[in-house]
Each structure stands twice: as C-alpha cells, then as structure tokens.
N, C-alpha and C. Protein backbone atom coordinates (compact mmCIF):
# COMPACT_ATOMS: atom_id res chain seq x y z
N UNK A 1 -4.53 -11.02 27.27
CA UNK A 1 -3.57 -11.71 26.94
C UNK A 1 -2.74 -11.24 26.04
N UNK A 2 -1.47 -10.94 25.82
CA UNK A 2 -0.39 -10.33 25.41
C UNK A 2 0.52 -11.06 24.46
N UNK A 3 0.64 -10.53 23.50
CA UNK A 3 1.76 -11.34 22.47
C UNK A 3 3.18 -11.27 23.09
N UNK A 4 4.26 -12.18 22.58
CA UNK A 4 5.35 -12.15 22.87
C UNK A 4 6.35 -10.55 22.47
N UNK A 5 7.40 -10.47 22.80
CA UNK A 5 8.02 -8.86 22.78
C UNK A 5 7.85 -8.78 21.37
N UNK A 6 7.57 -7.67 21.07
CA UNK A 6 7.43 -7.32 19.85
C UNK A 6 8.14 -5.71 19.62
N UNK A 7 8.54 -5.53 18.82
CA UNK A 7 9.38 -4.11 18.52
C UNK A 7 8.00 -2.87 18.11
N UNK A 8 7.80 -2.38 19.52
CA UNK A 8 6.82 -0.84 19.02
C UNK A 8 6.75 -0.26 17.98
N UNK A 9 8.08 -0.15 17.19
CA UNK A 9 8.04 0.54 15.88
C UNK A 9 7.38 -0.04 14.78
N UNK A 10 7.83 -1.40 14.63
CA UNK A 10 6.99 -2.32 13.73
C UNK A 10 5.48 -2.21 13.77
N UNK A 11 4.81 -2.44 15.08
CA UNK A 11 3.36 -2.05 14.93
C UNK A 11 3.08 -0.94 14.43
N UNK A 12 3.79 0.32 15.12
CA UNK A 12 3.68 1.65 14.23
C UNK A 12 3.65 1.57 12.58
N UNK A 13 4.78 0.79 12.38
CA UNK A 13 5.21 0.80 10.85
C UNK A 13 3.32 0.07 10.00
N UNK A 14 3.14 -0.85 10.61
CA UNK A 14 1.86 -1.43 10.02
C UNK A 14 0.84 -0.68 10.29
N UNK A 15 0.74 0.18 11.21
CA UNK A 15 -0.50 1.23 11.27
C UNK A 15 -0.40 2.21 10.49
N UNK A 16 0.83 2.75 10.19
CA UNK A 16 0.75 3.74 9.31
C UNK A 16 0.66 3.18 8.09
N UNK A 17 0.96 2.10 7.31
CA UNK A 17 0.72 1.71 5.82
C UNK A 17 -1.06 1.92 6.01
N UNK A 18 -2.09 0.78 6.94
CA UNK A 18 -3.28 1.41 6.57
C UNK A 18 -3.88 2.94 6.94
N UNK A 19 -3.35 3.45 7.53
CA UNK A 19 -3.14 4.82 7.71
C UNK A 19 -2.69 5.62 6.48
N UNK A 20 -2.06 5.50 5.65
CA UNK A 20 -1.76 6.09 4.91
C UNK A 20 -2.54 5.22 2.91
N UNK A 21 -3.20 4.19 3.30
CA UNK A 21 -4.25 3.52 2.53
C UNK A 21 -5.57 4.38 3.02
N UNK A 22 -5.77 4.57 4.15
CA UNK A 22 -7.19 4.92 4.38
C UNK A 22 -6.84 6.75 3.74
N UNK A 23 -6.10 7.26 3.72
CA UNK A 23 -5.82 8.57 3.00
C UNK A 23 -6.01 8.50 1.77
N UNK A 24 -5.32 7.81 1.15
CA UNK A 24 -5.58 7.68 -0.70
C UNK A 24 -6.93 7.29 -0.53
N UNK A 25 -7.69 6.52 0.09
CA UNK A 25 -9.13 6.21 -0.10
C UNK A 25 -9.75 7.56 -0.17
N UNK A 26 -9.60 8.42 0.95
CA UNK A 26 -10.44 9.51 1.02
C UNK A 26 -9.84 10.72 0.08
N UNK A 27 -8.79 10.77 -0.43
CA UNK A 27 -8.63 11.83 -1.18
C UNK A 27 -9.21 11.53 -2.71
N UNK A 28 -9.25 10.26 -2.75
CA UNK A 28 -9.76 9.76 -4.27
C UNK A 28 -11.43 10.01 -4.55
N UNK A 29 -11.93 10.26 -3.10
CA UNK A 29 -13.41 10.98 -3.40
C UNK A 29 -13.68 12.05 -3.30
N UNK A 30 -14.60 13.14 -4.53
CA UNK A 30 -14.62 14.23 -4.38
C UNK A 30 -15.77 14.74 -4.02
N UNK A 31 -16.07 16.08 -3.56
CA UNK A 31 -17.19 16.13 -2.70
C UNK A 31 -18.71 15.49 -3.61
N UNK A 32 -18.59 15.71 -5.08
CA UNK A 32 -19.63 15.64 -5.90
C UNK A 32 -19.72 13.98 -6.29
N UNK A 33 -18.93 12.95 -6.21
CA UNK A 33 -18.80 11.81 -6.26
C UNK A 33 -19.51 10.85 -5.38
N UNK A 34 -20.76 11.03 -5.23
CA UNK A 34 -21.44 10.36 -4.62
C UNK A 34 -21.17 8.39 -4.79
N UNK A 35 -21.37 8.22 -5.96
CA UNK A 35 -21.53 6.78 -6.40
C UNK A 35 -20.05 6.23 -5.59
N UNK A 36 -18.81 6.82 -6.10
CA UNK A 36 -17.46 6.16 -5.10
C UNK A 36 -17.64 6.58 -3.63
N UNK A 37 -18.28 7.30 -3.23
CA UNK A 37 -18.21 7.51 -1.43
C UNK A 37 -18.94 6.53 -0.85
N UNK A 38 -20.05 6.04 -1.67
CA UNK A 38 -20.80 4.81 -0.91
C UNK A 38 -20.03 3.45 -1.49
N UNK A 39 -19.29 3.30 -2.57
CA UNK A 39 -18.75 2.34 -2.93
C UNK A 39 -17.73 2.13 -1.42
N UNK A 40 -16.59 3.12 -1.59
CA UNK A 40 -15.45 2.73 -0.69
C UNK A 40 -16.17 3.15 1.03
N UNK A 41 -16.97 3.35 1.29
CA UNK A 41 -17.50 3.86 2.50
C UNK A 41 -17.23 2.67 3.58
N UNK A 42 -17.59 1.54 3.44
CA UNK A 42 -17.63 0.47 4.32
C UNK A 42 -16.19 0.36 4.60
N UNK A 43 -15.50 0.03 3.43
CA UNK A 43 -14.05 -0.68 3.15
C UNK A 43 -12.93 0.72 3.83
N UNK A 44 -13.73 1.82 3.85
CA UNK A 44 -12.81 2.86 4.63
C UNK A 44 -13.11 2.61 6.35
N UNK A 45 -14.13 2.17 6.42
CA UNK A 45 -14.29 2.22 7.65
C UNK A 45 -13.67 1.04 8.44
N UNK A 46 -13.70 0.09 7.73
CA UNK A 46 -12.35 -1.34 8.10
C UNK A 46 -11.44 -0.92 8.17
N UNK A 47 -10.85 -0.02 7.22
CA UNK A 47 -9.52 0.24 7.25
C UNK A 47 -8.76 1.40 8.32
N UNK A 48 -10.04 2.32 8.46
CA UNK A 48 -10.06 3.54 9.98
C UNK A 48 -9.69 2.39 11.18
N UNK A 49 -10.99 1.45 11.31
CA UNK A 49 -10.84 0.86 12.26
C UNK A 49 -9.72 0.18 12.61
N UNK A 50 -9.08 -0.42 11.51
CA UNK A 50 -8.00 -1.60 11.85
C UNK A 50 -7.01 -0.32 12.00
N UNK A 51 -7.10 0.82 11.50
CA UNK A 51 -5.58 1.71 11.82
C UNK A 51 -5.70 1.69 13.30
N UNK A 52 -6.65 2.32 13.94
CA UNK A 52 -7.30 2.55 15.20
C UNK A 52 -6.82 1.54 16.16
N UNK A 53 -6.78 0.34 15.79
CA UNK A 53 -6.46 -0.96 16.28
C UNK A 53 -4.93 -1.07 16.80
N UNK A 54 -4.53 -0.70 15.36
CA UNK A 54 -2.64 -0.93 15.20
C UNK A 54 -2.12 0.33 16.18
N UNK A 55 -2.63 1.57 15.91
CA UNK A 55 -2.26 2.32 16.92
C UNK A 55 -2.13 2.57 18.24
N UNK A 56 -3.40 1.81 18.70
CA UNK A 56 -3.72 1.47 20.17
C UNK A 56 -3.02 0.35 20.40
N UNK A 57 -2.35 -0.55 19.81
CA UNK A 57 -1.76 -1.43 20.35
C UNK A 57 -0.36 -1.21 20.44
N UNK A 58 -0.12 -0.31 19.40
CA UNK A 58 1.24 0.58 19.36
C UNK A 58 1.88 1.34 20.85
N UNK A 59 0.72 1.71 21.28
CA UNK A 59 0.85 2.71 22.30
C UNK A 59 0.95 1.86 23.33
N UNK A 60 0.24 0.62 23.85
CA UNK A 60 0.21 -0.33 24.88
C UNK A 60 1.65 -0.92 24.43
N UNK A 61 1.85 -1.25 23.43
CA UNK A 61 3.77 -1.90 23.41
C UNK A 61 4.62 -0.86 23.64
N UNK A 62 4.22 0.39 23.73
CA UNK A 62 5.27 1.30 23.76
C UNK A 62 5.29 1.70 25.46
N UNK A 63 4.33 1.30 26.46
CA UNK A 63 4.28 1.52 27.31
C UNK A 63 4.42 -0.02 28.13
N UNK A 64 4.21 -1.16 27.60
CA UNK A 64 4.38 -2.32 28.53
C UNK A 64 5.58 -3.04 27.75
N UNK A 65 5.57 -2.99 26.39
CA UNK A 65 6.44 -3.92 25.58
C UNK A 65 6.04 -5.09 25.12
N UNK A 66 4.64 -5.25 25.12
CA UNK A 66 4.18 -6.03 24.54
C UNK A 66 2.83 -5.92 23.88
N UNK A 67 2.24 -6.45 22.83
CA UNK A 67 0.96 -6.38 21.86
C UNK A 67 -0.35 -6.53 22.56
N UNK A 68 -1.29 -6.44 22.93
CA UNK A 68 -2.18 -7.00 23.68
C UNK A 68 -3.19 -7.50 22.22
N UNK A 69 -3.96 -8.66 22.71
CA UNK A 69 -4.69 -9.30 21.70
C UNK A 69 -6.06 -8.63 21.65
N UNK A 70 -6.85 -8.94 20.73
CA UNK A 70 -8.26 -8.41 20.70
C UNK A 70 -8.61 -7.15 19.53
N UNK A 71 -9.35 -6.89 19.20
CA UNK A 71 -9.90 -6.14 18.15
C UNK A 71 -11.09 -5.02 18.63
N UNK A 72 -11.11 -5.07 20.34
CA UNK A 72 -12.24 -4.08 20.59
C UNK A 72 -11.35 -2.55 21.34
N UNK A 73 -11.63 -1.91 20.32
CA UNK A 73 -11.34 -0.64 20.54
C UNK A 73 -11.35 0.00 21.54
N UNK A 74 -12.35 -0.21 22.53
CA UNK A 74 -12.64 0.30 23.39
C UNK A 74 -11.65 -0.46 24.64
N UNK A 75 -11.88 -1.74 24.59
CA UNK A 75 -10.89 -2.34 25.39
C UNK A 75 -9.57 -2.18 25.13
N UNK A 76 -8.97 -2.23 24.05
CA UNK A 76 -7.36 -1.30 23.77
C UNK A 76 -7.26 -0.15 24.53
N UNK A 77 -8.23 0.92 24.17
CA UNK A 77 -8.14 2.11 24.85
C UNK A 77 -8.03 1.83 26.53
N UNK A 78 -8.93 1.20 27.12
CA UNK A 78 -9.12 1.08 28.16
C UNK A 78 -7.74 0.42 28.84
N UNK A 79 -7.16 -0.17 28.08
CA UNK A 79 -5.89 -1.12 28.42
C UNK A 79 -4.86 0.18 28.50
N UNK A 80 -4.88 1.16 28.32
CA UNK A 80 -3.82 2.13 28.02
C UNK A 80 -3.23 2.81 29.62
N UNK A 81 -2.51 3.38 30.11
CA UNK A 81 -2.14 3.86 30.91
C UNK A 81 -3.55 5.06 31.30
N UNK A 82 -3.33 5.56 32.51
CA UNK A 82 -4.21 6.83 32.61
C UNK A 82 -3.56 8.34 31.81
N UNK A 83 -2.53 8.20 31.71
CA UNK A 83 -1.65 9.29 31.23
C UNK A 83 -1.77 9.04 29.59
N UNK A 84 -1.84 8.41 29.31
CA UNK A 84 -1.77 8.13 27.72
C UNK A 84 -3.57 8.61 27.42
N UNK A 85 -4.32 7.76 28.20
CA UNK A 85 -5.87 8.08 27.86
C UNK A 85 -6.09 9.49 27.92
N UNK A 86 -5.73 10.03 29.10
CA UNK A 86 -5.78 11.64 29.40
C UNK A 86 -5.32 12.33 28.06
N UNK A 87 -4.13 12.01 27.80
CA UNK A 87 -3.65 12.61 26.40
C UNK A 87 -4.83 12.69 24.70
N UNK A 88 -5.15 11.48 24.77
CA UNK A 88 -6.13 11.14 23.77
C UNK A 88 -7.14 11.84 23.85
N UNK A 89 -7.79 11.66 25.45
CA UNK A 89 -9.10 12.42 25.36
C UNK A 89 -9.10 13.94 25.01
N UNK A 90 -7.89 14.35 25.70
CA UNK A 90 -7.82 15.98 25.42
C UNK A 90 -7.66 16.36 24.01
N UNK A 91 -6.91 15.31 23.13
CA UNK A 91 -6.97 15.95 22.07
C UNK A 91 -8.74 16.12 21.63
N UNK A 92 -8.81 14.70 21.37
CA UNK A 92 -10.38 14.55 20.88
C UNK A 92 -11.21 15.52 21.29
N UNK A 93 -11.36 16.10 22.63
CA UNK A 93 -12.14 16.98 23.41
C UNK A 93 -11.91 18.43 22.64
N UNK A 94 -10.59 18.64 22.49
CA UNK A 94 -10.36 20.02 22.12
C UNK A 94 -10.09 20.01 20.75
N UNK A 95 -9.58 19.63 19.63
CA UNK A 95 -9.76 19.09 18.52
C UNK A 95 -10.71 18.63 17.85
N UNK A 96 -10.97 17.49 18.04
CA UNK A 96 -12.08 16.85 17.25
C UNK A 96 -13.34 17.44 17.41
N UNK A 97 -13.56 16.96 18.24
CA UNK A 97 -15.18 17.54 19.19
C UNK A 97 -15.56 18.89 18.54
N UNK A 98 -14.45 19.87 18.91
CA UNK A 98 -14.35 21.42 18.41
C UNK A 98 -14.32 21.60 16.65
N UNK A 99 -13.96 20.84 15.98
CA UNK A 99 -13.85 20.87 14.57
C UNK A 99 -14.99 19.80 13.62
N UNK A 100 -15.54 19.08 14.56
CA UNK A 100 -17.00 18.18 14.21
C UNK A 100 -17.83 18.43 14.60
N UNK A 101 -18.26 19.66 15.47
CA UNK A 101 -19.06 19.74 16.18
C UNK A 101 -20.54 20.15 15.38
N UNK A 102 -20.30 20.85 14.37
CA UNK A 102 -21.50 21.32 13.74
C UNK A 102 -21.91 20.61 12.57
N UNK A 103 -21.16 19.86 12.13
CA UNK A 103 -21.35 18.46 11.07
C UNK A 103 -22.09 17.26 11.67
N UNK A 104 -21.46 16.93 13.39
CA UNK A 104 -22.46 16.10 14.06
C UNK A 104 -23.44 16.48 14.55
N UNK A 105 -23.92 17.92 15.04
CA UNK A 105 -25.16 18.85 14.69
C UNK A 105 -26.29 18.36 13.90
N UNK A 106 -25.58 18.34 12.49
CA UNK A 106 -26.61 18.19 11.46
C UNK A 106 -26.67 16.74 11.22
N UNK A 107 -26.02 16.01 11.45
CA UNK A 107 -26.26 14.64 11.32
C UNK A 107 -27.23 14.11 12.42
N UNK A 108 -26.78 14.56 13.68
CA UNK A 108 -28.10 14.44 14.59
C UNK A 108 -29.39 14.60 14.42
N UNK A 109 -29.28 15.99 13.36
CA UNK A 109 -30.98 16.51 13.34
C UNK A 109 -31.46 15.44 12.27
N UNK A 110 -30.39 15.30 11.32
CA UNK A 110 -31.21 14.24 10.01
C UNK A 110 -31.32 13.19 10.57
N UNK A 111 -30.58 12.54 11.68
CA UNK A 111 -30.84 11.15 12.12
C UNK A 111 -32.17 11.21 13.07
N UNK A 112 -32.34 12.10 13.97
CA UNK A 112 -33.46 12.74 14.92
C UNK A 112 -33.06 11.47 16.30
N UNK A 113 -31.50 11.21 16.34
CA UNK A 113 -30.96 10.45 17.38
C UNK A 113 -29.97 10.98 17.81
N UNK A 114 -29.21 10.79 18.84
CA UNK A 114 -27.74 11.51 19.13
C UNK A 114 -26.98 10.66 18.87
N UNK A 115 -25.45 10.73 18.35
CA UNK A 115 -24.23 10.26 18.08
C UNK A 115 -23.58 10.33 18.95
N UNK A 116 -22.65 9.14 18.61
CA UNK A 116 -21.27 9.35 19.71
C UNK A 116 -20.49 9.93 19.71
N UNK A 117 -20.52 10.93 20.70
CA UNK A 117 -19.21 12.04 20.79
C UNK A 117 -18.19 11.78 21.60
N UNK A 118 -19.07 11.68 23.17
CA UNK A 118 -17.75 11.04 24.21
C UNK A 118 -16.97 10.03 23.67
N UNK A 119 -15.47 10.15 23.64
CA UNK A 119 -14.55 9.48 23.43
C UNK A 119 -14.66 8.00 23.57
N UNK A 120 -15.21 7.46 24.76
CA UNK A 120 -15.22 5.82 25.13
C UNK A 120 -16.54 5.54 24.63
N UNK A 121 -17.32 6.02 24.56
CA UNK A 121 -18.77 5.54 23.77
C UNK A 121 -18.55 5.35 22.30
N UNK A 122 -17.98 6.65 21.88
CA UNK A 122 -17.51 6.30 20.18
C UNK A 122 -16.32 5.22 19.73
N UNK A 123 -15.68 5.24 20.84
CA UNK A 123 -14.95 3.81 20.47
C UNK A 123 -15.27 2.52 20.74
N UNK A 124 -16.53 2.39 21.64
CA UNK A 124 -17.46 1.29 21.83
C UNK A 124 -18.49 1.32 20.62
N UNK A 125 -18.86 2.28 20.32
CA UNK A 125 -19.78 2.16 19.35
C UNK A 125 -19.07 1.72 17.54
N UNK A 126 -18.21 2.38 17.84
CA UNK A 126 -16.60 1.88 16.44
C UNK A 126 -16.83 0.87 16.39
N UNK A 127 -16.60 0.05 17.50
CA UNK A 127 -16.05 -1.53 17.64
C UNK A 127 -16.99 -2.26 16.95
N UNK A 128 -18.52 -1.59 17.59
CA UNK A 128 -19.53 -2.87 16.86
C UNK A 128 -19.70 -2.65 15.80
N UNK A 129 -19.76 -1.36 15.19
CA UNK A 129 -19.36 -1.10 13.57
C UNK A 129 -18.34 -1.74 13.08
N UNK A 130 -17.33 -1.89 13.53
CA UNK A 130 -16.20 -2.52 12.70
C UNK A 130 -16.31 -4.02 12.71
N UNK A 131 -16.85 -4.45 13.62
CA UNK A 131 -17.20 -6.10 13.30
C UNK A 131 -18.37 -6.32 12.68
N UNK A 132 -19.44 -5.63 12.96
CA UNK A 132 -20.56 -5.69 11.85
C UNK A 132 -20.88 -5.40 10.46
N UNK A 133 -19.97 -4.35 10.28
CA UNK A 133 -19.81 -3.80 8.80
C UNK A 133 -18.74 -4.77 7.98
N UNK A 134 -18.25 -5.69 8.49
CA UNK A 134 -17.70 -6.76 7.81
C UNK A 134 -18.57 -7.48 7.07
N UNK A 135 -19.68 -7.78 7.62
CA UNK A 135 -20.68 -8.46 7.16
C UNK A 135 -21.83 -7.84 6.91
N UNK A 136 -21.82 -6.93 6.57
CA UNK A 136 -22.90 -5.96 6.02
C UNK A 136 -23.97 -6.70 4.84
N UNK A 137 -23.19 -7.38 4.33
CA UNK A 137 -24.09 -8.50 3.28
C UNK A 137 -25.72 -9.14 4.20
N UNK A 138 -25.30 -9.50 5.62
CA UNK A 138 -26.33 -9.86 6.30
C UNK A 138 -27.19 -9.06 6.58
N UNK A 139 -27.24 -7.78 6.46
CA UNK A 139 -28.10 -6.42 6.65
C UNK A 139 -28.50 -6.09 7.79
N UNK A 140 -27.45 -6.46 9.02
CA UNK A 140 -27.37 -5.98 10.20
C UNK A 140 -26.70 -4.40 10.49
N UNK A 141 -27.02 -3.76 9.75
CA UNK A 141 -26.39 -2.27 9.56
C UNK A 141 -26.89 -1.09 10.27
N UNK A 142 -28.26 -1.64 10.45
CA UNK A 142 -29.13 0.04 10.56
C UNK A 142 -29.03 0.94 11.95
N UNK A 143 -28.63 0.67 13.10
CA UNK A 143 -27.97 1.10 13.98
C UNK A 143 -26.72 1.55 14.04
N UNK A 144 -25.83 1.35 13.47
CA UNK A 144 -24.29 1.54 13.63
C UNK A 144 -24.03 2.61 13.38
N UNK A 145 -22.83 3.12 14.43
CA UNK A 145 -22.17 4.61 14.24
C UNK A 145 -20.99 4.64 14.14
N UNK A 146 -20.25 5.06 13.37
CA UNK A 146 -18.62 5.30 13.29
C UNK A 146 -18.32 6.64 13.12
N UNK A 147 -17.81 7.30 14.19
CA UNK A 147 -17.50 8.59 13.90
C UNK A 147 -16.00 8.78 14.34
N UNK A 148 -15.28 7.58 14.24
CA UNK A 148 -13.54 7.87 14.33
C UNK A 148 -12.77 8.13 13.21
N UNK A 149 -13.45 8.84 12.35
CA UNK A 149 -12.61 9.17 10.82
C UNK A 149 -11.77 9.99 11.04
N UNK A 150 -11.35 10.83 12.38
CA UNK A 150 -10.53 11.80 12.65
C UNK A 150 -9.19 11.12 13.67
N UNK A 151 -9.36 10.15 14.66
CA UNK A 151 -8.75 9.40 15.08
C UNK A 151 -7.66 8.77 14.93
N UNK A 152 -7.60 8.07 13.88
CA UNK A 152 -6.32 7.67 13.38
C UNK A 152 -5.12 8.93 13.39
N UNK A 153 -5.44 9.80 12.95
CA UNK A 153 -4.14 10.87 12.85
C UNK A 153 -4.12 11.37 14.38
N UNK A 154 -4.99 11.55 14.99
CA UNK A 154 -4.84 11.90 16.66
C UNK A 154 -3.95 10.90 17.30
N UNK A 155 -4.18 9.41 16.96
CA UNK A 155 -3.26 8.39 17.80
C UNK A 155 -1.80 8.73 17.11
N UNK A 156 -1.59 8.92 15.70
CA UNK A 156 -0.26 9.07 15.45
C UNK A 156 0.08 10.21 15.74
N UNK A 157 -0.44 11.28 16.15
CA UNK A 157 0.20 12.18 16.68
C UNK A 157 0.73 12.12 18.21
N UNK A 158 -0.28 11.34 18.81
CA UNK A 158 0.12 10.79 20.16
C UNK A 158 1.62 10.21 20.30
N UNK A 159 1.40 8.85 19.56
CA UNK A 159 2.72 8.15 19.12
C UNK A 159 3.51 8.83 19.23
N UNK A 160 3.84 9.64 17.78
CA UNK A 160 5.01 10.60 17.75
C UNK A 160 5.14 11.60 18.61
N UNK A 161 4.66 11.85 19.68
CA UNK A 161 4.89 13.13 20.86
C UNK A 161 5.52 12.24 21.74
N UNK A 162 5.35 10.50 21.99
CA UNK A 162 6.22 9.60 22.35
C UNK A 162 7.36 9.56 22.00
N UNK A 163 7.84 9.08 20.92
CA UNK A 163 8.40 8.46 19.97
C UNK A 163 9.11 9.60 18.68
N UNK A 164 9.39 11.08 18.99
CA UNK A 164 9.59 11.52 17.82
C UNK A 164 10.67 11.15 16.39
N UNK A 165 11.14 10.22 16.70
CA UNK A 165 12.38 9.65 16.27
C UNK A 165 11.46 8.74 15.04
N UNK A 166 10.36 8.79 15.48
CA UNK A 166 9.72 7.45 14.36
C UNK A 166 9.10 8.48 13.28
N UNK A 167 9.34 9.70 13.32
CA UNK A 167 8.28 10.87 12.41
C UNK A 167 8.63 10.66 10.71
N UNK A 168 9.74 10.05 10.42
CA UNK A 168 9.88 9.70 9.17
C UNK A 168 10.13 8.05 8.75
N UNK A 169 9.45 7.54 9.73
CA UNK A 169 9.06 5.89 9.77
C UNK A 169 8.26 5.58 8.80
N UNK A 170 8.72 4.98 7.62
CA UNK A 170 7.22 4.14 6.68
C UNK A 170 7.89 3.21 6.14
N UNK A 171 7.11 2.18 5.61
CA UNK A 171 7.66 1.02 4.99
C UNK A 171 8.05 1.25 3.37
N UNK A 172 8.87 0.83 2.92
CA UNK A 172 9.57 1.15 1.73
C UNK A 172 8.50 0.37 0.65
N UNK A 173 8.44 1.56 -0.68
CA UNK A 173 7.76 1.43 -1.41
C UNK A 173 7.77 0.13 -2.32
N UNK A 174 7.24 -0.69 -2.73
CA UNK A 174 7.55 -1.85 -3.61
C UNK A 174 6.26 -1.83 -4.58
N UNK A 175 6.84 -1.37 -5.81
CA UNK A 175 5.71 -1.62 -7.45
C UNK A 175 4.91 -2.78 -6.94
N UNK A 176 3.56 -2.81 -6.90
CA UNK A 176 2.92 -4.41 -7.29
C UNK A 176 3.01 -4.80 -8.84
N UNK A 177 3.47 -6.25 -9.15
CA UNK A 177 3.42 -7.13 -10.08
C UNK A 177 2.59 -8.14 -10.45
N UNK A 178 1.86 -7.68 -11.28
CA UNK A 178 0.78 -8.83 -11.89
C UNK A 178 1.07 -10.08 -12.13
N UNK A 179 0.67 -11.16 -11.88
CA UNK A 179 0.99 -12.48 -12.28
C UNK A 179 0.13 -12.93 -13.41
N UNK A 180 -0.72 -12.00 -13.73
CA UNK A 180 -1.78 -11.86 -14.86
C UNK A 180 -0.75 -11.98 -16.22
N UNK A 181 -0.59 -12.64 -17.13
CA UNK A 181 0.41 -12.30 -18.29
C UNK A 181 -0.70 -11.24 -19.05
N UNK A 182 -0.18 -10.32 -19.71
CA UNK A 182 -0.83 -9.39 -20.40
C UNK A 182 -0.41 -9.68 -22.05
N UNK A 183 -1.31 -9.25 -22.37
CA UNK A 183 -1.48 -9.47 -24.15
C UNK A 183 -0.53 -8.78 -24.93
N UNK A 184 -0.27 -9.05 -26.00
CA UNK A 184 0.67 -8.40 -26.72
C UNK A 184 -0.24 -7.53 -27.80
N UNK A 185 -1.57 -7.57 -27.62
CA UNK A 185 -1.92 -6.60 -28.68
C UNK A 185 -2.21 -5.41 -28.88
C-alpha cells in the first residue's frame, strides 16, 4: 500500500534531518567515552534505521511517485527497481564491505558467530533490531544485529546521484525555545 502523491524532495528533507541528527550523535562521542557510547547507542540505532527507512521511501517515491507504507527495511529495499537495488548493492559491496571488513572480522571473532554482511540479510537483521530495540527494556535484545551504520550515507549518495539538484536541500534551522520560565537568579 502506498500513500497519496507526496513530493519526494520532502521525504528526502525529513530523512536528511534524521541523518544530520545521527551525525551529531556520532560526533559527540569520543573514542574513550564509553558511558556516552552506551547511553546513546540504542537511540542512535533507532535514528539510523529511521533514516534508512526514509531514504528508501524517498528512492521509491522518486521511482513511483508514491511513498510505500511500512517500516521493514528489507521490504522497502526489495520494492525498489532492480537498477536502484543494484546500485545500492554495488556501493555496499565495493565501499562498506571493504571499509568495514577488518572491524567486522574482529566483532565476529569476539562474538563467536557470523554477523550480517550481505546487504539483504543485514537489512532483515537491522529491521528486527529497529523493532526490538525500541522495547529493549523488555530484555529481548541478546541476538540482535545492526551493522547498517554506513547505509544512510550510501543511500543519500544514491539519491543525490538521481537528484543532484537536491545537494543543498536542507530544512531551515530554527532554534528551539523553552516553554519553561527561567528564574532570574
């Protein structure tokens, strides 16, 4: 099921807002700040997965003129045209897999099991994590895998290859105002 006509650039703008937020969170953590890494880890996964969802929906909207419903990252990816999936897969294989190989090898060695490296499998595993991490207080997170940290940037690149005129497209910054009165002390 798809939504009524929506301007794909609006989907891109919203996805970019989440992408920028994700970048801010990642940049806030220094290499030795374990506590901050733990504190923002789960929210960063949710924001990252939502960014991926929005960018996949943007690509679908560019192709079809409609935004698909749903949150399953693998299903959203599978709904894209073969050419778009091939481009994403090519970038994943040539850039992300190569760049992350040694890191992921160490993680596998530490875990004693394989992690999701194949993009469709990583998307399926990431969707499961996206769903369950929002309810991590239930304690059902032992077998989750999320290795999609680089995918938002890759998807943005694929979008901008198709729509280079969106390169400078950003929502206007508006400072937040507090509704809580401040004391004059």
